[in-house]
Amino acid sequence: MALKIRLQRHGASHRPFYRLVVTEATARRDGRFVEVLGTYEPQAKRATDELKLKVDRIDYWKSVGAKPTDTAASLIRKARREAPAEEAKAEA
């Protein structure tokens, strides 16, 4: 069973909302999934609401062999870059 980390599209026309999920490679885009790893809302009002990912769970699934798609990998990199800035705000 080959696992992928990829996006599922939800939301209305011209108002997309995505879930980052772990799924089998053969499953349909919006079909069955194993676990939801976060959300991505490209048209969010605030930048803090745009991307919310569970980085620890992503690391787990990658350790057991799940491969992220190109888009999912770029969103994961973006979340990792933003994480230290959020931690600095929480300490202040």
PDB file of N, CA and C in Angstrom:
ATOM      1  N   MET A   1       0.851  -1.174   0.000  1.00  0.00           N
ATOM      2  CA  MET A   1       0.000   0.000   0.000  1.00  0.00           C
ATOM      3  C   MET A   1       0.895   1.236   0.000  1.00  0.00           C
ATOM      4  N   ALA A   2       0.905   1.978  -1.105  1.00  0.00           N
ATOM      5  CA  ALA A   2       1.686   3.209  -1.210  1.00  0.00           C
ATOM      6  C   ALA A   2       0.852   4.379  -0.685  1.00  0.00           C
ATOM      7  N   LEU A   3       1.423   5.122   0.243  1.00  0.00           N
ATOM      8  CA  LEU A   3       0.708   6.251   0.835  1.00  0.00           C
ATOM      9  C   LEU A   3       1.207   7.565   0.261  1.00  0.00           C
ATOM     10  N   LYS A   4       0.287   8.504   0.086  1.00  0.00           N
ATOM     11  CA  LYS A   4       0.598   9.846  -0.392  1.00  0.00           C
ATOM     12  C   LYS A   4       0.070  10.865   0.604  1.00  0.00           C
ATOM     13  N   ILE A   5       0.766  11.987   0.709  1.00  0.00           N
ATOM     14  CA  ILE A   5       0.268  13.152   1.439  1.00  0.00           C
ATOM     15  C   ILE A   5      -0.131  14.140   0.355  1.00  0.00           C
ATOM     16  N   ARG A   6      -1.423  14.431   0.270  1.00  0.00           N
ATOM     17  CA  ARG A   6      -1.901  15.299  -0.809  1.00  0.00           C
ATOM     18  C   ARG A   6      -3.097  16.129  -0.373  1.00  0.00           C
ATOM     19  N   LEU A   7      -3.547  17.000  -1.272  1.00  0.00           N
ATOM     20  CA  LEU A   7      -4.643  17.915  -0.978  1.00  0.00           C
ATOM     21  C   LEU A   7      -5.975  17.350  -1.455  1.00  0.00           C
ATOM     22  N   GLN A   8      -7.014  17.607  -0.671  1.00  0.00           N
ATOM     23  CA  GLN A   8      -8.395  17.345  -1.077  1.00  0.00           C
ATOM     24  C   GLN A   8      -9.071  18.688  -1.225  1.00  0.00           C
ATOM     25  N   ARG A   9      -9.775  18.912  -2.316  1.00  0.00           N
ATOM     26  CA  ARG A   9     -10.434  20.192  -2.532  1.00  0.00           C
ATOM     27  C   ARG A   9     -11.854  20.157  -1.982  1.00  0.00           C
ATOM     28  N   HIS A  10     -12.178  21.176  -1.216  1.00  0.00           N
ATOM     29  CA  HIS A  10     -13.522  21.371  -0.690  1.00  0.00           C
ATOM     30  C   HIS A  10     -13.891  22.826  -0.936  1.00  0.00           C
ATOM     31  N   GLY A  11     -15.057  23.247  -0.498  1.00  0.00           N
ATOM     32  CA  GLY A  11     -15.464  24.632  -0.666  1.00  0.00           C
ATOM     33  C   GLY A  11     -16.321  24.823  -1.901  1.00  0.00           C
ATOM     34  N   ALA A  12     -16.741  26.050  -2.098  1.00  0.00           N
ATOM     35  CA  ALA A  12     -17.638  26.391  -3.198  1.00  0.00           C
ATOM     36  C   ALA A  12     -16.839  26.793  -4.445  1.00  0.00           C
ATOM     37  N   SER A  13     -17.540  27.022  -5.516  1.00  0.00           N
ATOM     38  CA  SER A  13     -16.894  27.504  -6.730  1.00  0.00           C
ATOM     39  C   SER A  13     -16.241  28.854  -6.457  1.00  0.00           C
ATOM     40  N   HIS A  14     -15.038  29.028  -6.930  1.00  0.00           N
ATOM     41  CA  HIS A  14     -14.272  30.268  -6.768  1.00  0.00           C
ATOM     42  C   HIS A  14     -13.971  30.576  -5.306  1.00  0.00           C
ATOM     43  N   ARG A  15     -14.119  29.626  -4.413  1.00  0.00           N
ATOM     44  CA  ARG A  15     -13.824  29.811  -2.986  1.00  0.00           C
ATOM     45  C   ARG A  15     -13.238  28.494  -2.452  1.00  0.00           C
ATOM     46  N   PRO A  16     -12.038  28.131  -2.924  1.00  0.00           N
ATOM     47  CA  PRO A  16     -11.489  26.821  -2.565  1.00  0.00           C
ATOM     48  C   PRO A  16     -11.029  26.745  -1.111  1.00  0.00           C
ATOM     49  N   PHE A  17     -11.084  25.540  -0.598  1.00  0.00           N
ATOM     50  CA  PHE A  17     -10.622  25.207   0.735  1.00  0.00           C
ATOM     51  C   PHE A  17     -10.028  23.806   0.623  1.00  0.00           C
ATOM     52  N   TYR A  18      -8.842  23.594   1.132  1.00  0.00           N
ATOM     53  CA  TYR A  18      -8.166  22.316   0.961  1.00  0.00           C
ATOM     54  C   TYR A  18      -7.857  21.675   2.306  1.00  0.00           C
ATOM     55  N   ARG A  19      -7.898  20.337   2.329  1.00  0.00           N
ATOM     56  CA  ARG A  19      -7.438  19.565   3.461  1.00  0.00           C
ATOM     57  C   ARG A  19      -6.189  18.823   3.026  1.00  0.00           C
ATOM     58  N   LEU A  20      -5.176  18.813   3.866  1.00  0.00           N
ATOM     59  CA  LEU A  20      -3.986  18.013   3.621  1.00  0.00           C
ATOM     60  C   LEU A  20      -4.231  16.664   4.290  1.00  0.00           C
ATOM     61  N   VAL A  21      -4.210  15.584   3.508  1.00  0.00           N
ATOM     62  CA  VAL A  21      -4.560  14.258   4.025  1.00  0.00           C
ATOM     63  C   VAL A  21      -3.510  13.222   3.634  1.00  0.00           C
ATOM     64  N   VAL A  22      -3.503  12.130   4.391  1.00  0.00           N
ATOM     65  CA  VAL A  22      -2.745  10.938   4.024  1.00  0.00           C
ATOM     66  C   VAL A  22      -3.743   9.988   3.395  1.00  0.00           C
ATOM     67  N   THR A  23      -3.420   9.483   2.222  1.00  0.00           N
ATOM     68  CA  THR A  23      -4.329   8.598   1.508  1.00  0.00           C
ATOM     69  C   THR A  23      -3.532   7.581   0.697  1.00  0.00           C
ATOM     70  N   GLU A  24      -4.205   6.538   0.268  1.00  0.00           N
ATOM     71  CA  GLU A  24      -3.569   5.587  -0.639  1.00  0.00           C
ATOM     72  C   GLU A  24      -3.387   6.254  -2.001  1.00  0.00           C
ATOM     73  N   ALA A  25      -2.343   5.902  -2.688  1.00  0.00           N
ATOM     74  CA  ALA A  25      -2.039   6.527  -3.974  1.00  0.00           C
ATOM     75  C   ALA A  25      -3.123   6.276  -5.010  1.00  0.00           C
ATOM     76  N   THR A  26      -3.859   5.172  -4.882  1.00  0.00           N
ATOM     77  CA  THR A  26      -4.862   4.832  -5.881  1.00  0.00           C
ATOM     78  C   THR A  26      -6.237   5.433  -5.582  1.00  0.00           C
ATOM     79  N   ALA A  27      -6.406   6.063  -4.427  1.00  0.00           N
ATOM     80  CA  ALA A  27      -7.700   6.644  -4.060  1.00  0.00           C
ATOM     81  C   ALA A  27      -7.981   7.886  -4.893  1.00  0.00           C
ATOM     82  N   ARG A  28      -9.274   8.195  -5.079  1.00  0.00           N
ATOM     83  CA  ARG A  28      -9.656   9.399  -5.812  1.00  0.00           C
ATOM     84  C   ARG A  28      -9.218  10.650  -5.053  1.00  0.00           C
ATOM     85  N   ARG A  29      -9.169  11.779  -5.737  1.00  0.00           N
ATOM     86  CA  ARG A  29      -8.700  13.022  -5.128  1.00  0.00           C
ATOM     87  C   ARG A  29      -9.473  13.379  -3.868  1.00  0.00           C
ATOM     88  N   ASP A  30     -10.791  13.330  -3.926  1.00  0.00           N
ATOM     89  CA  ASP A  30     -11.613  13.680  -2.776  1.00  0.00           C
ATOM     90  C   ASP A  30     -12.213  12.446  -2.112  1.00  0.00           C
ATOM     91  N   GLY A  31     -11.606  11.300  -2.337  1.00  0.00           N
ATOM     92  CA  GLY A  31     -12.140  10.042  -1.825  1.00  0.00           C
ATOM     93  C   GLY A  31     -11.645   9.687  -0.435  1.00  0.00           C
ATOM     94  N   ARG A  32     -11.519   8.406  -0.204  1.00  0.00           N
ATOM     95  CA  ARG A  32     -11.145   7.874   1.099  1.00  0.00           C
ATOM     96  C   ARG A  32      -9.757   8.348   1.516  1.00  0.00           C
ATOM     97  N   PHE A  33      -9.587   8.596   2.813  1.00  0.00           N
ATOM     98  CA  PHE A  33      -8.295   9.011   3.340  1.00  0.00           C
ATOM     99  C   PHE A  33      -8.050   8.327   4.670  1.00  0.00           C
ATOM    100  N   VAL A  34      -6.792   8.376   5.128  1.00  0.00           N
ATOM    101  CA  VAL A  34      -6.408   7.743   6.381  1.00  0.00           C
ATOM    102  C   VAL A  34      -6.503   8.739   7.533  1.00  0.00           C
ATOM    103  N   GLU A  35      -5.946   9.952   7.330  1.00  0.00           N
ATOM    104  CA  GLU A  35      -5.924  10.957   8.397  1.00  0.00           C
ATOM    105  C   GLU A  35      -5.837  12.348   7.798  1.00  0.00           C
ATOM    106  N   VAL A  36      -6.502  13.312   8.442  1.00  0.00           N
ATOM    107  CA  VAL A  36      -6.401  14.716   8.055  1.00  0.00           C
ATOM    108  C   VAL A  36      -5.210  15.318   8.800  1.00  0.00           C
ATOM    109  N   LEU A  37      -4.302  15.941   8.060  1.00  0.00           N
ATOM    110  CA  LEU A  37      -3.088  16.507   8.646  1.00  0.00           C
ATOM    111  C   LEU A  37      -3.132  18.019   8.774  1.00  0.00           C
ATOM    112  N   GLY A  38      -4.136  18.657   8.214  1.00  0.00           N
ATOM    113  CA  GLY A  38      -4.236  20.098   8.322  1.00  0.00           C
ATOM    114  C   GLY A  38      -5.122  20.676   7.241  1.00  0.00           C
ATOM    115  N   THR A  39      -5.150  22.013   7.204  1.00  0.00           N
ATOM    116  CA  THR A  39      -5.978  22.713   6.232  1.00  0.00           C
ATOM    117  C   THR A  39      -5.187  23.827   5.563  1.00  0.00           C
ATOM    118  N   TYR A  40      -5.645  24.181   4.362  1.00  0.00           N
ATOM    119  CA  TYR A  40      -5.055  25.282   3.601  1.00  0.00           C
ATOM    120  C   TYR A  40      -6.200  26.045   2.954  1.00  0.00           C
ATOM    121  N   GLU A  41      -6.314  27.327   3.288  1.00  0.00           N
ATOM    122  CA  GLU A  41      -7.352  28.183   2.725  1.00  0.00           C
ATOM    123  C   GLU A  41      -6.675  29.361   2.034  1.00  0.00           C
ATOM    124  N   PRO A  42      -6.473  29.285   0.713  1.00  0.00           N
ATOM    125  CA  PRO A  42      -5.708  30.321   0.019  1.00  0.00           C
ATOM    126  C   PRO A  42      -6.353  31.702   0.038  1.00  0.00           C
ATOM    127  N   GLN A  43      -7.665  31.791   0.211  1.00  0.00           N
ATOM    128  CA  GLN A  43      -8.345  33.090   0.213  1.00  0.00           C
ATOM    129  C   GLN A  43      -8.758  33.523   1.619  1.00  0.00           C
ATOM    130  N   ALA A  44      -8.017  33.110   2.631  1.00  0.00           N
ATOM    131  CA  ALA A  44      -8.349  33.458   4.011  1.00  0.00           C
ATOM    132  C   ALA A  44      -8.198  34.961   4.227  1.00  0.00           C
ATOM    133  N   LYS A  45      -9.014  35.497   5.121  1.00  0.00           N
ATOM    134  CA  LYS A  45      -8.968  36.933   5.425  1.00  0.00           C
ATOM    135  C   LYS A  45      -7.651  37.312   6.103  1.00  0.00           C
ATOM    136  N   ARG A  46      -7.202  36.476   7.040  1.00  0.00           N
ATOM    137  CA  ARG A  46      -5.945  36.743   7.758  1.00  0.00           C
ATOM    138  C   ARG A  46      -4.901  35.705   7.351  1.00  0.00           C
ATOM    139  N   ALA A  47      -3.658  36.130   7.296  1.00  0.00           N
ATOM    140  CA  ALA A  47      -2.582  35.227   6.897  1.00  0.00           C
ATOM    141  C   ALA A  47      -2.406  34.092   7.906  1.00  0.00           C
ATOM    142  N   THR A  48      -2.744  34.324   9.165  1.00  0.00           N
ATOM    143  CA  THR A  48      -2.589  33.274  10.178  1.00  0.00           C
ATOM    144  C   THR A  48      -3.605  32.149   9.995  1.00  0.00           C
ATOM    145  N   ASP A  49      -4.716  32.440   9.326  1.00  0.00           N
ATOM    146  CA  ASP A  49      -5.740  31.420   9.088  1.00  0.00           C
ATOM    147  C   ASP A  49      -5.520  30.647   7.793  1.00  0.00           C
ATOM    148  N   GLU A  50      -4.533  31.047   7.007  1.00  0.00           N
ATOM    149  CA  GLU A  50      -4.342  30.451   5.688  1.00  0.00           C
ATOM    150  C   GLU A  50      -3.862  28.995   5.755  1.00  0.00           C
ATOM    151  N   LEU A  51      -2.895  28.710   6.605  1.00  0.00           N
ATOM    152  CA  LEU A  51      -2.268  27.397   6.629  1.00  0.00           C
ATOM    153  C   LEU A  51      -2.162  26.892   8.060  1.00  0.00           C
ATOM    154  N   LYS A  52      -2.789  25.753   8.326  1.00  0.00           N
ATOM    155  CA  LYS A  52      -2.734  25.126   9.651  1.00  0.00           C
ATOM    156  C   LYS A  52      -2.410  23.654   9.457  1.00  0.00           C
ATOM    157  N   LEU A  53      -1.191  23.255   9.835  1.00  0.00           N
ATOM    158  CA  LEU A  53      -0.756  21.882   9.640  1.00  0.00           C
ATOM    159  C   LEU A  53      -0.270  21.272  10.947  1.00  0.00           C
ATOM    160  N   LYS A  54      -0.442  19.957  11.083  1.00  0.00           N
ATOM    161  CA  LYS A  54       0.077  19.194  12.215  1.00  0.00           C
ATOM    162  C   LYS A  54       1.435  18.632  11.786  1.00  0.00           C
ATOM    163  N   VAL A  55       2.487  19.411  12.016  1.00  0.00           N
ATOM    164  CA  VAL A  55       3.815  19.056  11.517  1.00  0.00           C
ATOM    165  C   VAL A  55       4.322  17.768  12.160  1.00  0.00           C
ATOM    166  N   ASP A  56       3.995  17.523  13.438  1.00  0.00           N
ATOM    167  CA  ASP A  56       4.453  16.295  14.082  1.00  0.00           C
ATOM    168  C   ASP A  56       3.843  15.054  13.426  1.00  0.00           C
ATOM    169  N   ARG A  57       2.575  15.127  13.036  1.00  0.00           N
ATOM    170  CA  ARG A  57       1.928  14.003  12.361  1.00  0.00           C
ATOM    171  C   ARG A  57       2.463  13.831  10.933  1.00  0.00           C
ATOM    172  N   ILE A  58       2.792  14.935  10.287  1.00  0.00           N
ATOM    173  CA  ILE A  58       3.389  14.858   8.947  1.00  0.00           C
ATOM    174  C   ILE A  58       4.722  14.130   9.025  1.00  0.00           C
ATOM    175  N   ASP A  59       5.533  14.474  10.044  1.00  0.00           N
ATOM    176  CA  ASP A  59       6.821  13.804  10.229  1.00  0.00           C
ATOM    177  C   ASP A  59       6.632  12.307  10.462  1.00  0.00           C
ATOM    178  N   TYR A  60       5.614  11.946  11.241  1.00  0.00           N
ATOM    179  CA  TYR A  60       5.345  10.527  11.489  1.00  0.00           C
ATOM    180  C   TYR A  60       5.030   9.805  10.180  1.00  0.00           C
ATOM    181  N   TRP A  61       4.107  10.349   9.400  1.00  0.00           N
ATOM    182  CA  TRP A  61       3.700   9.668   8.171  1.00  0.00           C
ATOM    183  C   TRP A  61       4.845   9.593   7.173  1.00  0.00           C
ATOM    184  N   LYS A  62       5.694  10.617   7.126  1.00  0.00           N
ATOM    185  CA  LYS A  62       6.851  10.545   6.238  1.00  0.00           C
ATOM    186  C   LYS A  62       7.826   9.467   6.710  1.00  0.00           C
ATOM    187  N   SER A  63       7.920   9.279   8.027  1.00  0.00           N
ATOM    188  CA  SER A  63       8.834   8.267   8.559  1.00  0.00           C
ATOM    189  C   SER A  63       8.379   6.849   8.230  1.00  0.00           C
ATOM    190  N   VAL A  64       7.074   6.646   8.033  1.00  0.00           N
ATOM    191  CA  VAL A  64       6.584   5.310   7.689  1.00  0.00           C
ATOM    192  C   VAL A  64       6.403   5.139   6.183  1.00  0.00           C
ATOM    193  N   GLY A  65       6.851   6.117   5.395  1.00  0.00           N
ATOM    194  CA  GLY A  65       6.916   5.924   3.952  1.00  0.00           C
ATOM    195  C   GLY A  65       5.966   6.732   3.096  1.00  0.00           C
ATOM    196  N   ALA A  66       5.164   7.614   3.670  1.00  0.00           N
ATOM    197  CA  ALA A  66       4.253   8.426   2.865  1.00  0.00           C
ATOM    198  C   ALA A  66       5.047   9.473   2.084  1.00  0.00           C
ATOM    199  N   LYS A  67       4.711   9.644   0.818  1.00  0.00           N
ATOM    200  CA  LYS A  67       5.403  10.607  -0.049  1.00  0.00           C
ATOM    201  C   LYS A  67       4.486  11.797  -0.310  1.00  0.00           C
ATOM    202  N   PRO A  68       4.930  13.025   0.013  1.00  0.00           N
ATOM    203  CA  PRO A  68       4.096  14.194  -0.298  1.00  0.00           C
ATOM    204  C   PRO A  68       4.156  14.533  -1.786  1.00  0.00           C
ATOM    205  N   THR A  69       3.041  15.061  -2.310  1.00  0.00           N
ATOM    206  CA  THR A  69       3.040  15.566  -3.681  1.00  0.00           C
ATOM    207  C   THR A  69       3.845  16.856  -3.710  1.00  0.00           C
ATOM    208  N   ASP A  70       4.104  17.387  -4.887  1.00  0.00           N
ATOM    209  CA  ASP A  70       4.900  18.614  -5.002  1.00  0.00           C
ATOM    210  C   ASP A  70       4.237  19.776  -4.269  1.00  0.00           C
ATOM    211  N   THR A  71       2.933  19.948  -4.454  1.00  0.00           N
ATOM    212  CA  THR A  71       2.219  21.042  -3.806  1.00  0.00           C
ATOM    213  C   THR A  71       2.192  20.848  -2.300  1.00  0.00           C
ATOM    214  N   ALA A  72       1.937  19.638  -1.848  1.00  0.00           N
ATOM    215  CA  ALA A  72       1.917  19.362  -0.412  1.00  0.00           C
ATOM    216  C   ALA A  72       3.294  19.625   0.197  1.00  0.00           C
ATOM    217  N   ALA A  73       4.349  19.246  -0.501  1.00  0.00           N
ATOM    218  CA  ALA A  73       5.703  19.467   0.008  1.00  0.00           C
ATOM    219  C   ALA A  73       6.003  20.957   0.148  1.00  0.00           C
ATOM    220  N   SER A  74       5.544  21.758  -0.808  1.00  0.00           N
ATOM    221  CA  SER A  74       5.796  23.204  -0.713  1.00  0.00           C
ATOM    222  C   SER A  74       5.018  23.820   0.446  1.00  0.00           C
ATOM    223  N   LEU A  75       3.804  23.348   0.714  1.00  0.00           N
ATOM    224  CA  LEU A  75       3.029  23.854   1.851  1.00  0.00           C
ATOM    225  C   LEU A  75       3.663  23.435   3.177  1.00  0.00           C
ATOM    226  N   ILE A  76       4.214  22.231   3.228  1.00  0.00           N
ATOM    227  CA  ILE A  76       4.895  21.767   4.444  1.00  0.00           C
ATOM    228  C   ILE A  76       6.122  22.618   4.710  1.00  0.00           C
ATOM    229  N   ARG A  77       6.899  22.919   3.658  1.00  0.00           N
ATOM    230  CA  ARG A  77       8.070  23.796   3.819  1.00  0.00           C
ATOM    231  C   ARG A  77       7.648  25.166   4.323  1.00  0.00           C
ATOM    232  N   LYS A  78       6.562  25.699   3.784  1.00  0.00           N
ATOM    233  CA  LYS A  78       6.062  27.003   4.205  1.00  0.00           C
ATOM    234  C   LYS A  78       5.655  26.974   5.678  1.00  0.00           C
ATOM    235  N   ALA A  79       5.001  25.911   6.119  1.00  0.00           N
ATOM    236  CA  ALA A  79       4.579  25.788   7.518  1.00  0.00           C
ATOM    237  C   ALA A  79       5.792  25.707   8.444  1.00  0.00           C
ATOM    238  N   ARG A  80       6.833  25.015   8.015  1.00  0.00           N
ATOM    239  CA  ARG A  80       8.041  24.913   8.839  1.00  0.00           C
ATOM    240  C   ARG A  80       8.749  26.259   8.950  1.00  0.00           C
ATOM    241  N   ARG A  81       8.744  27.056   7.881  1.00  0.00           N
ATOM    242  CA  ARG A  81       9.362  28.386   7.934  1.00  0.00           C
ATOM    243  C   ARG A  81       8.603  29.317   8.859  1.00  0.00           C
ATOM    244  N   GLU A  82       7.271  29.204   8.883  1.00  0.00           N
ATOM    245  CA  GLU A  82       6.446  30.086   9.703  1.00  0.00           C
ATOM    246  C   GLU A  82       6.403  29.658  11.163  1.00  0.00           C
ATOM    247  N   ALA A  83       6.689  28.403  11.472  1.00  0.00           N
ATOM    248  CA  ALA A  83       6.598  27.883  12.839  1.00  0.00           C
ATOM    249  C   ALA A  83       7.521  28.606  13.822  1.00  0.00           C
ATOM    250  N   PRO A  84       8.802  28.873  13.506  1.00  0.00           N
ATOM    251  CA  PRO A  84       9.649  29.576  14.468  1.00  0.00           C
ATOM    252  C   PRO A  84       9.134  30.991  14.773  1.00  0.00           C
ATOM    253  N   ALA A  85       8.540  31.671  13.809  1.00  0.00           N
ATOM    254  CA  ALA A  85       8.009  33.015  14.035  1.00  0.00           C
ATOM    255  C   ALA A  85       6.832  32.963  15.007  1.00  0.00           C
ATOM    256  N   GLU A  86       5.996  31.944  14.908  1.00  0.00           N
ATOM    257  CA  GLU A  86       4.859  31.791  15.804  1.00  0.00           C
ATOM    258  C   GLU A  86       5.324  31.465  17.217  1.00  0.00           C
ATOM    259  N   GLU A  87       6.383  30.662  17.360  1.00  0.00           N
ATOM    260  CA  GLU A  87       6.915  30.326  18.674  1.00  0.00           C
ATOM    261  C   GLU A  87       7.507  31.562  19.356  1.00  0.00           C
ATOM    262  N   ALA A  88       8.130  32.425  18.581  1.00  0.00           N
ATOM    263  CA  ALA A  88       8.719  33.648  19.143  1.00  0.00           C
ATOM    264  C   ALA A  88       7.610  34.579  19.655  1.00  0.00           C
ATOM    265  N   LYS A  89       6.483  34.644  18.939  1.00  0.00           N
ATOM    266  CA  LYS A  89       5.366  35.467  19.387  1.00  0.00           C
ATOM    267  C   LYS A  89       4.774  34.925  20.694  1.00  0.00           C
ATOM    268  N   ALA A  90       4.706  33.601  20.813  1.00  0.00           N
ATOM    269  CA  ALA A  90       4.116  32.983  22.003  1.00  0.00           C
ATOM    270  C   ALA A  90       4.983  33.233  23.244  1.00  0.00           C
ATOM    271  N   GLU A  91       6.295  33.304  23.071  1.00  0.00           N
ATOM    272  CA  GLU A  91       7.193  33.547  24.196  1.00  0.00           C
ATOM    273  C   GLU A  91       7.131  34.992  24.674  1.00  0.00           C
ATOM    274  N   ALA A  92       6.829  35.917  23.777  1.00  0.00           N
ATOM    275  CA  ALA A  92       6.844  37.351  24.135  1.00  0.00           C
ATOM    276  C   ALA A  92       5.632  37.750  24.943  1.00  0.00           C
TER     277      ALA A  92
END
